[in-house]
Amino acid sequence: MRLRLALLLSLIALAIRISADPLPVSSNRIWFAPVPGALDYLRLFEHSEEWARARSVITVFKFYQQHTQTPAPSIVGPNGYDALVRAGAFRKLAEWGIKTSIEVGAVKEFWCTSDASGMEASIQATLGSARAVQDAGGSLQYLAMDEPFVSGRQRVCGGPALEPTADRLKTYMTAVRAAQPNIKLGLIDAYPFSSAADFERMLALLHDRGVAPSFLHLDVDWHALKAGEFARDVPRIAAAAKAEGIPFGVVVWGYNGDADRLFASDAGEITNLLAQTFETWDNMPEQIVFQSWAVSGTGLLITPSLLPETRLYTHTSLVWDLFRRLRGSTGGNTGRAIPR
């Protein structure tokens, strides 16, 4: 009886240890982009023990471009460039083996000028951000262009046609890649603002101009979706990216900036769509981006809180929970995603 009890306790202890251990993650699979003004943003780098579990599965950390600018824009709150440098943020990510990305503007309405000055300003802003990370001891691997085909639909940018934006991106991407050839330059754009056919057209236009993006991340407005659209369209967009040899990803985010729990509920809805559509981890998008730009009712970008990962509804807790749901491993690892 004692032997059986000892064996049972050993098995329970082993099961607990296994469930807490990091799960293997494909290279560059899990991206983390916290809300820019989070009040505990700097704590990520000052108290790394508070997100050790989530950090073990995060492969890319994405800053907003405003984090690299001086003077610091208001949306980053206390997390301006100087504060991040003092906290060792860029250097520590490199030490931890986590790759660094910046979400940057490329085509924006204020850069859609009638001459070359607008795109030159865009290019120089991006190169300045890249140098800022490198000057702080960081190693920058990715630049993610923030929805150029959304801004490009504006009349001032030549919209709603897609070709003028593709032309601007050729100018921008060619110059950025020439100056920073080791940095991968990818595309974020909005669905269903742009249809599956639109995404196929975007990729074809960029291919024809010799500036295919290094990845494609889908910003899904699930409030705007009709029943069945995600399951119909997103695999089609993923297939179009695959045909071009471009890694495909989906952004997991929340609308509500008034409470961590409400943000988490929103993020769970996108996770449900991923789980129901792709079903298994092997079939999931190659990159999954856990991100927030949620604005509170008072106009602040501080939701959700980031730490500690042991408290419900913080962003690091959410990364771990949703990652495990997509892996099908909230209990024993079934290999099938778990919608709720």
Foldseek 3Di string as FASTA:
>chain_A
DVVVVVVVVVVVVVQVVVLQDADDEDAQAEEEEEFQQAPCVLVCLVPVVLQVRLLVHHAEYEYELLQLDPPRDPQNHPRHVVSCLVSLPQQVCVVSNHAYEYEAEQAALVLLDPDNVSNVVRLVSVVSSCVSSVVSNHDHAEYEHDANLVRCQDVSQVHPDRLSSLVSVLVNQVSNCVVPVRHFYAYEHEPPVPFLVRLLVSQVSNVVSVHHGQAYEYEYPPVPDDPPRLLPRVVSSCVSCVVVVHQYEYEQWAAEQAELVRGLVSSLVVLLSQQVRQFFLVSGGSYYYHHYNHAYPVGHRHPDHAGRLVDPRHSSVSSVVSVCQRQCPPPNRPRTHHRD
